[in-house]
């Protein structure tokens, strides 16, 4: 049967996603948020999710809708502060003890995801040594520096935003839209991309920015 990873709807692209999933969500600085897929996940309604997202409160992301719907148990992120004086949905729940937070330095955040995609269970880094962010983690000394052991982060689902996809799941991105999408796709059991459009022909090899081997489903959204 010919390969065709295109699906008709966002809801269809999330078939099989259940309670307790660890969900990667791309997006950085206003670019690359898979908001159609985020809303479809909210409508599907799996509970006790762990979200792995750069910012838990970015104003251009619909991540807050998952939190508002009480679907999220834990957030792993690099930024948890909102953009307004009033507490965000995430901040309110965190202060009430209703949601767990793991805050990670941004470089470590990316490397923990990349490591999972590469089959590396953990790695040592000097980043964060001696701070509350690494309290309780294993420390080893290499040369003249102390390093902290950081575990890889593997996901059940990756939701990413790209510009175009072909039938094989190959993707192209527009500028900063790429951000965390590629590493998240490599580290997830199921990677779903929402795209602006499907390419009529296979994307030329030199233009592929994320190979379709890492993408399971793609859906075109307006």
C-alpha atoms as a PDB file:
ATOM      1  CA  UNK A   1       0.000   0.000   0.000  1.00  0.00           C
ATOM      2  CA  UNK A   2       1.423   3.435  -0.935  1.00  0.00           C
ATOM      3  CA  UNK A   3       2.558   5.592   1.988  1.00  0.00           C
ATOM      4  CA  UNK A   4       0.197   8.459   2.744  1.00  0.00           C
ATOM      5  CA  UNK A   5       0.453  10.143   6.155  1.00  0.00           C
ATOM      6  CA  UNK A   6      -2.088  12.855   5.369  1.00  0.00           C
ATOM      7  CA  UNK A   7      -5.291  12.751   7.417  1.00  0.00           C
ATOM      8  CA  UNK A   8      -8.553  14.574   6.891  1.00  0.00           C
ATOM      9  CA  UNK A   9      -9.006  16.274  10.267  1.00  0.00           C
ATOM     10  CA  UNK A  10      -7.244  17.240  13.471  1.00  0.00           C
ATOM     11  CA  UNK A  11      -9.556  14.942  15.426  1.00  0.00           C
ATOM     12  CA  UNK A  12      -8.598  11.988  13.227  1.00  0.00           C
ATOM     13  CA  UNK A  13      -4.909  12.767  13.630  1.00  0.00           C
ATOM     14  CA  UNK A  14      -5.179  12.224  17.410  1.00  0.00           C
ATOM     15  CA  UNK A  15      -6.815   8.804  17.327  1.00  0.00           C
ATOM     16  CA  UNK A  16      -5.285   6.518  19.930  1.00  0.00           C
ATOM     17  CA  UNK A  17      -4.213   9.273  22.349  1.00  0.00           C
ATOM     18  CA  UNK A  18      -5.306   8.416  25.872  1.00  0.00           C
ATOM     19  CA  UNK A  19      -5.058   9.394  29.526  1.00  0.00           C
ATOM     20  CA  UNK A  20      -1.657   9.876  31.121  1.00  0.00           C
ATOM     21  CA  UNK A  21       0.159  10.783  27.906  1.00  0.00           C
ATOM     22  CA  UNK A  22       3.326  12.869  27.874  1.00  0.00           C
ATOM     23  CA  UNK A  23       2.712  15.507  25.191  1.00  0.00           C
ATOM     24  CA  UNK A  24       5.345  17.631  23.453  1.00  0.00           C
ATOM     25  CA  UNK A  25       4.037  20.957  22.098  1.00  0.00           C
ATOM     26  CA  UNK A  26       6.220  23.063  19.803  1.00  0.00           C
ATOM     27  CA  UNK A  27       6.374  26.857  19.784  1.00  0.00           C
ATOM     28  CA  UNK A  28       8.722  29.661  20.670  1.00  0.00           C
ATOM     29  CA  UNK A  29       8.472  33.460  20.654  1.00  0.00           C
ATOM     30  CA  UNK A  30       5.116  33.532  18.902  1.00  0.00           C
ATOM     31  CA  UNK A  31       6.034  31.044  16.141  1.00  0.00           C
ATOM     32  CA  UNK A  32       5.232  27.400  15.569  1.00  0.00           C
ATOM     33  CA  UNK A  33       2.296  26.837  17.928  1.00  0.00           C
ATOM     34  CA  UNK A  34       0.088  23.902  16.781  1.00  0.00           C
ATOM     35  CA  UNK A  35      -3.069  25.567  18.060  1.00  0.00           C
ATOM     36  CA  UNK A  36      -5.512  23.587  15.919  1.00  0.00           C
ATOM     37  CA  UNK A  37      -4.072  20.343  17.281  1.00  0.00           C
ATOM     38  CA  UNK A  38      -4.033  21.692  20.844  1.00  0.00           C
ATOM     39  CA  UNK A  39      -7.734  22.501  20.601  1.00  0.00           C
ATOM     40  CA  UNK A  40      -8.467  19.099  19.075  1.00  0.00           C
ATOM     41  CA  UNK A  41      -6.637  17.473  22.003  1.00  0.00           C
ATOM     42  CA  UNK A  42      -8.740  19.474  24.435  1.00  0.00           C
ATOM     43  CA  UNK A  43     -11.907  18.336  22.680  1.00  0.00           C
ATOM     44  CA  UNK A  44     -10.709  14.731  22.776  1.00  0.00           C
ATOM     45  CA  UNK A  45     -10.279  15.137  26.540  1.00  0.00           C
ATOM     46  CA  UNK A  46      -7.492  12.805  27.725  1.00  0.00           C
ATOM     47  CA  UNK A  47      -6.723  13.394  31.410  1.00  0.00           C
ATOM     48  CA  UNK A  48      -3.608  13.454  33.595  1.00  0.00           C
ATOM     49  CA  UNK A  49      -1.409  14.771  30.797  1.00  0.00           C
ATOM     50  CA  UNK A  50       2.207  15.812  31.211  1.00  0.00           C
ATOM     51  CA  UNK A  51       2.902  18.773  28.923  1.00  0.00           C
ATOM     52  CA  UNK A  52       6.437  19.371  27.679  1.00  0.00           C
ATOM     53  CA  UNK A  53       6.394  22.909  26.288  1.00  0.00           C
ATOM     54  CA  UNK A  54       8.826  25.809  26.212  1.00  0.00           C
ATOM     55  CA  UNK A  55       6.377  28.200  27.895  1.00  0.00           C
ATOM     56  CA  UNK A  56       3.378  27.184  29.976  1.00  0.00           C
ATOM     57  CA  UNK A  57       1.737  30.585  29.610  1.00  0.00           C
ATOM     58  CA  UNK A  58       2.585  32.076  26.190  1.00  0.00           C
ATOM     59  CA  UNK A  59      -0.221  34.365  25.046  1.00  0.00           C
ATOM     60  CA  UNK A  60      -0.136  33.043  21.459  1.00  0.00           C
ATOM     61  CA  UNK A  61      -0.464  29.403  22.489  1.00  0.00           C
ATOM     62  CA  UNK A  62      -3.695  27.586  23.344  1.00  0.00           C
ATOM     63  CA  UNK A  63      -1.882  25.405  25.875  1.00  0.00           C
ATOM     64  CA  UNK A  64      -3.881  27.222  28.558  1.00  0.00           C
ATOM     65  CA  UNK A  65      -7.066  25.615  27.200  1.00  0.00           C
ATOM     66  CA  UNK A  66      -5.767  22.175  28.200  1.00  0.00           C
ATOM     67  CA  UNK A  67      -4.986  23.525  31.661  1.00  0.00           C
ATOM     68  CA  UNK A  68      -8.347  25.300  31.984  1.00  0.00           C
ATOM     69  CA  UNK A  69     -10.069  22.022  31.129  1.00  0.00           C
ATOM     70  CA  UNK A  70      -8.257  20.269  34.019  1.00  0.00           C
ATOM     71  CA  UNK A  71      -6.566  17.814  31.664  1.00  0.00           C
ATOM     72  CA  UNK A  72      -2.997  18.512  32.826  1.00  0.00           C
ATOM     73  CA  UNK A  73      -1.234  16.880  35.779  1.00  0.00           C
ATOM     74  CA  UNK A  74       2.282  18.235  35.221  1.00  0.00           C
ATOM     75  CA  UNK A  75       4.129  20.788  33.083  1.00  0.00           C
ATOM     76  CA  UNK A  76       7.798  20.564  32.112  1.00  0.00           C
ATOM     77  CA  UNK A  77       8.866  23.926  30.719  1.00  0.00           C
ATOM     78  CA  UNK A  78      11.517  26.653  30.638  1.00  0.00           C
ATOM     79  CA  UNK A  79       9.193  29.567  31.466  1.00  0.00           C
ATOM     80  CA  UNK A  80       6.148  29.576  33.727  1.00  0.00           C
ATOM     81  CA  UNK A  81       5.401  33.279  34.243  1.00  0.00           C
ATOM     82  CA  UNK A  82       2.479  34.910  32.442  1.00  0.00           C
ATOM     83  CA  UNK A  83       2.480  38.145  30.434  1.00  0.00           C
ATOM     84  CA  UNK A  84      -0.058  39.983  32.588  1.00  0.00           C
ATOM     85  CA  UNK A  85      -0.251  41.136  36.205  1.00  0.00           C
ATOM     86  CA  UNK A  86      -3.013  38.648  36.918  1.00  0.00           C
ATOM     87  CA  UNK A  87      -2.006  34.985  37.402  1.00  0.00           C
ATOM     88  CA  UNK A  88      -2.457  32.732  34.372  1.00  0.00           C
ATOM     89  CA  UNK A  89      -4.556  29.571  34.503  1.00  0.00           C
ATOM     90  CA  UNK A  90      -1.371  27.597  35.012  1.00  0.00           C
ATOM     91  CA  UNK A  91      -0.010  29.886  37.762  1.00  0.00           C
ATOM     92  CA  UNK A  92      -3.291  29.791  39.692  1.00  0.00           C
ATOM     93  CA  UNK A  93      -3.412  25.996  39.661  1.00  0.00           C
ATOM     94  CA  UNK A  94       0.271  25.700  40.551  1.00  0.00           C
ATOM     95  CA  UNK A  95      -0.068  28.043  43.544  1.00  0.00           C
ATOM     96  CA  UNK A  96      -3.082  26.001  44.690  1.00  0.00           C
ATOM     97  CA  UNK A  97      -1.069  22.783  44.455  1.00  0.00           C
ATOM     98  CA  UNK A  98      -3.294  21.408  41.700  1.00  0.00           C
ATOM     99  CA  UNK A  99      -0.596  21.046  39.045  1.00  0.00           C
ATOM    100  CA  UNK A 100       3.049  20.001  39.161  1.00  0.00           C
ATOM    101  CA  UNK A 101       5.848  22.103  37.673  1.00  0.00           C
ATOM    102  CA  UNK A 102       9.319  21.075  36.547  1.00  0.00           C
ATOM    103  CA  UNK A 103      11.257  24.129  35.348  1.00  0.00           C
ATOM    104  CA  UNK A 104      14.304  23.379  33.179  1.00  0.00           C
ATOM    105  CA  UNK A 105      16.995  25.643  31.638  1.00  0.00           C
ATOM    106  CA  UNK A 106      16.188  26.049  27.946  1.00  0.00           C
ATOM    107  CA  UNK A 107      19.324  24.393  26.573  1.00  0.00           C
ATOM    108  CA  UNK A 108      18.906  21.457  28.947  1.00  0.00           C
ATOM    109  CA  UNK A 109      15.220  21.248  28.015  1.00  0.00           C
ATOM    110  CA  UNK A 110      16.079  20.823  24.330  1.00  0.00           C
ATOM    111  CA  UNK A 111      18.942  18.421  24.966  1.00  0.00           C
ATOM    112  CA  UNK A 112      16.813  16.193  27.214  1.00  0.00           C
ATOM    113  CA  UNK A 113      14.331  15.818  24.351  1.00  0.00           C
ATOM    114  CA  UNK A 114      17.054  15.335  21.719  1.00  0.00           C
ATOM    115  CA  UNK A 115      18.713  12.693  23.897  1.00  0.00           C
ATOM    116  CA  UNK A 116      15.507  10.658  24.030  1.00  0.00           C
ATOM    117  CA  UNK A 117      15.249  10.787  20.248  1.00  0.00           C
ATOM    118  CA  UNK A 118      18.848   9.577  19.965  1.00  0.00           C
ATOM    119  CA  UNK A 119      18.331   6.721  22.425  1.00  0.00           C
ATOM    120  CA  UNK A 120      20.461   8.335  25.158  1.00  0.00           C
ATOM    121  CA  UNK A 121      18.868   7.800  28.596  1.00  0.00           C
ATOM    122  CA  UNK A 122      20.693  10.609  30.429  1.00  0.00           C
ATOM    123  CA  UNK A 123      23.653  12.986  30.197  1.00  0.00           C
ATOM    124  CA  UNK A 124      25.825  15.172  32.418  1.00  0.00           C
ATOM    125  CA  UNK A 125      25.771  18.973  32.111  1.00  0.00           C
ATOM    126  CA  UNK A 126      27.210  21.806  34.223  1.00  0.00           C
ATOM    127  CA  UNK A 127      24.096  23.920  33.646  1.00  0.00           C
ATOM    128  CA  UNK A 128      22.114  24.530  36.820  1.00  0.00           C
ATOM    129  CA  UNK A 129      24.636  23.010  39.214  1.00  0.00           C
ATOM    130  CA  UNK A 130      24.171  24.379  42.729  1.00  0.00           C
ATOM    131  CA  UNK A 131      20.701  25.823  42.056  1.00  0.00           C
ATOM    132  CA  UNK A 132      17.212  24.742  43.106  1.00  0.00           C
ATOM    133  CA  UNK A 133      16.562  23.568  39.546  1.00  0.00           C
ATOM    134  CA  UNK A 134      18.906  20.620  40.029  1.00  0.00           C
ATOM    135  CA  UNK A 135      18.339  19.891  43.727  1.00  0.00           C
ATOM    136  CA  UNK A 136      18.475  16.172  44.488  1.00  0.00           C
ATOM    137  CA  UNK A 137      20.029  15.177  41.159  1.00  0.00           C
ATOM    138  CA  UNK A 138      23.184  13.115  40.850  1.00  0.00           C
ATOM    139  CA  UNK A 139      26.388  15.155  40.599  1.00  0.00           C
ATOM    140  CA  UNK A 140      29.784  14.044  39.271  1.00  0.00           C
ATOM    141  CA  UNK A 141      33.017  15.941  38.886  1.00  0.00           C
ATOM    142  CA  UNK A 142      34.840  15.923  35.558  1.00  0.00           C
ATOM    143  CA  UNK A 143      38.123  17.797  35.525  1.00  0.00           C
ATOM    144  CA  UNK A 144      37.618  21.063  37.398  1.00  0.00           C
ATOM    145  CA  UNK A 145      33.827  21.256  37.102  1.00  0.00           C
ATOM    146  CA  UNK A 146      30.794  19.652  38.692  1.00  0.00           C
ATOM    147  CA  UNK A 147      28.121  18.224  36.401  1.00  0.00           C
ATOM    148  CA  UNK A 148      24.488  17.298  36.983  1.00  0.00           C
ATOM    149  CA  UNK A 149      22.898  14.146  35.574  1.00  0.00           C
ATOM    150  CA  UNK A 150      19.816  15.032  33.527  1.00  0.00           C
ATOM    151  CA  UNK A 151      17.404  12.326  32.307  1.00  0.00           C
ATOM    152  CA  UNK A 152      16.086  12.269  28.763  1.00  0.00           C
ATOM    153  CA  UNK A 153      12.449  13.230  28.147  1.00  0.00           C
ATOM    154  CA  UNK A 154      10.534  10.837  25.891  1.00  0.00           C
ATOM    155  CA  UNK A 155       6.988  11.571  24.767  1.00  0.00           C
ATOM    156  CA  UNK A 156       3.893   9.663  23.800  1.00  0.00           C
ATOM    157  CA  UNK A 157       2.722  12.438  21.475  1.00  0.00           C
ATOM    158  CA  UNK A 158       4.342  15.394  19.715  1.00  0.00           C
ATOM    159  CA  UNK A 159       2.183  18.205  18.353  1.00  0.00           C
ATOM    160  CA  UNK A 160       4.148  20.416  15.961  1.00  0.00           C
ATOM    161  CA  UNK A 161       3.438  23.199  13.483  1.00  0.00           C
ATOM    162  CA  UNK A 162       5.073  23.266  10.049  1.00  0.00           C
ATOM    163  CA  UNK A 163       4.485  25.019   6.733  1.00  0.00           C
ATOM    164  CA  UNK A 164       4.055  22.169   4.231  1.00  0.00           C
ATOM    165  CA  UNK A 165       3.946  18.381   4.210  1.00  0.00           C
ATOM    166  CA  UNK A 166       3.937  15.819   1.430  1.00  0.00           C
ATOM    167  CA  UNK A 167       2.225  12.445   1.414  1.00  0.00           C
ATOM    168  CA  UNK A 168       5.309  10.834   2.971  1.00  0.00           C
ATOM    169  CA  UNK A 169       5.236  13.138   6.004  1.00  0.00           C
ATOM    170  CA  UNK A 170       8.290  15.169   4.971  1.00  0.00           C
ATOM    171  CA  UNK A 171       8.029  18.709   6.343  1.00  0.00           C
ATOM    172  CA  UNK A 172       9.223  22.223   5.601  1.00  0.00           C
ATOM    173  CA  UNK A 173       9.071  25.121   8.077  1.00  0.00           C
ATOM    174  CA  UNK A 174       9.032  28.893   7.803  1.00  0.00           C
ATOM    175  CA  UNK A 175      11.902  30.525   9.670  1.00  0.00           C
ATOM    176  CA  UNK A 176      11.492  30.426  13.480  1.00  0.00           C
ATOM    177  CA  UNK A 177       8.436  28.195  13.111  1.00  0.00           C
ATOM    178  CA  UNK A 178      10.878  25.280  13.163  1.00  0.00           C
ATOM    179  CA  UNK A 179      12.058  25.812  16.792  1.00  0.00           C
ATOM    180  CA  UNK A 180      11.494  22.643  18.890  1.00  0.00           C
ATOM    181  CA  UNK A 181       9.456  20.711  16.320  1.00  0.00           C
ATOM    182  CA  UNK A 182      12.168  18.457  14.867  1.00  0.00           C
ATOM    183  CA  UNK A 183      13.643  17.270  18.174  1.00  0.00           C
ATOM    184  CA  UNK A 184      10.184  16.710  19.618  1.00  0.00           C
ATOM    185  CA  UNK A 185       9.158  14.592  16.648  1.00  0.00           C
ATOM    186  CA  UNK A 186      12.204  12.357  17.015  1.00  0.00           C
ATOM    187  CA  UNK A 187      11.474  11.698  20.707  1.00  0.00           C
ATOM    188  CA  UNK A 188       7.750  10.866  20.520  1.00  0.00           C
ATOM    189  CA  UNK A 189       5.941   7.602  19.842  1.00  0.00           C
ATOM    190  CA  UNK A 190       3.375   9.504  17.766  1.00  0.00           C
ATOM    191  CA  UNK A 191       4.291  12.736  15.965  1.00  0.00           C
ATOM    192  CA  UNK A 192       1.509  14.803  14.408  1.00  0.00           C
ATOM    193  CA  UNK A 193       2.087  17.925  12.318  1.00  0.00           C
ATOM    194  CA  UNK A 194      -0.418  20.611  11.452  1.00  0.00           C
ATOM    195  CA  UNK A 195       0.590  22.414   8.261  1.00  0.00           C
ATOM    196  CA  UNK A 196      -0.537  25.315   6.119  1.00  0.00           C
ATOM    197  CA  UNK A 197      -0.829  23.143   3.025  1.00  0.00           C
ATOM    198  CA  UNK A 198      -0.026  19.782   1.468  1.00  0.00           C
ATOM    199  CA  UNK A 199       2.526  19.738  -1.333  1.00  0.00           C
ATOM    200  CA  UNK A 200       1.199  18.361  -4.616  1.00  0.00           C
ATOM    201  CA  UNK A 201       4.468  16.529  -5.314  1.00  0.00           C
ATOM    202  CA  UNK A 202       7.068  15.001  -2.981  1.00  0.00           C
ATOM    203  CA  UNK A 203       9.158  17.731  -1.377  1.00  0.00           C
ATOM    204  CA  UNK A 204      12.631  17.776  -2.984  1.00  0.00           C
ATOM    205  CA  UNK A 205      15.232  16.155  -0.741  1.00  0.00           C
ATOM    206  CA  UNK A 206      17.283  19.337  -0.416  1.00  0.00           C
ATOM    207  CA  UNK A 207      14.238  21.202   0.920  1.00  0.00           C
ATOM    208  CA  UNK A 208      13.130  18.651   3.521  1.00  0.00           C
ATOM    209  CA  UNK A 209      13.722  20.043   7.024  1.00  0.00           C
ATOM    210  CA  UNK A 210      12.190  17.145   8.942  1.00  0.00           C
ATOM    211  CA  UNK A 211      12.161  13.731   7.234  1.00  0.00           C
ATOM    212  CA  UNK A 212       8.872  11.875   7.154  1.00  0.00           C
ATOM    213  CA  UNK A 213      10.381   8.924   9.014  1.00  0.00           C
ATOM    214  CA  UNK A 214       9.842  11.008  12.183  1.00  0.00           C
ATOM    215  CA  UNK A 215       6.286  12.102  11.331  1.00  0.00           C
ATOM    216  CA  UNK A 216       3.303   9.765  11.669  1.00  0.00           C
ATOM    217  CA  UNK A 217       0.400  11.992  10.646  1.00  0.00           C
ATOM    218  CA  UNK A 218      -0.098  15.386   9.025  1.00  0.00           C
ATOM    219  CA  UNK A 219      -3.197  17.552   8.749  1.00  0.00           C
ATOM    220  CA  UNK A 220      -3.701  20.721   6.690  1.00  0.00           C
ATOM    221  CA  UNK A 221      -5.377  23.563   8.595  1.00  0.00           C
ATOM    222  CA  UNK A 222      -6.524  27.004   7.523  1.00  0.00           C
END
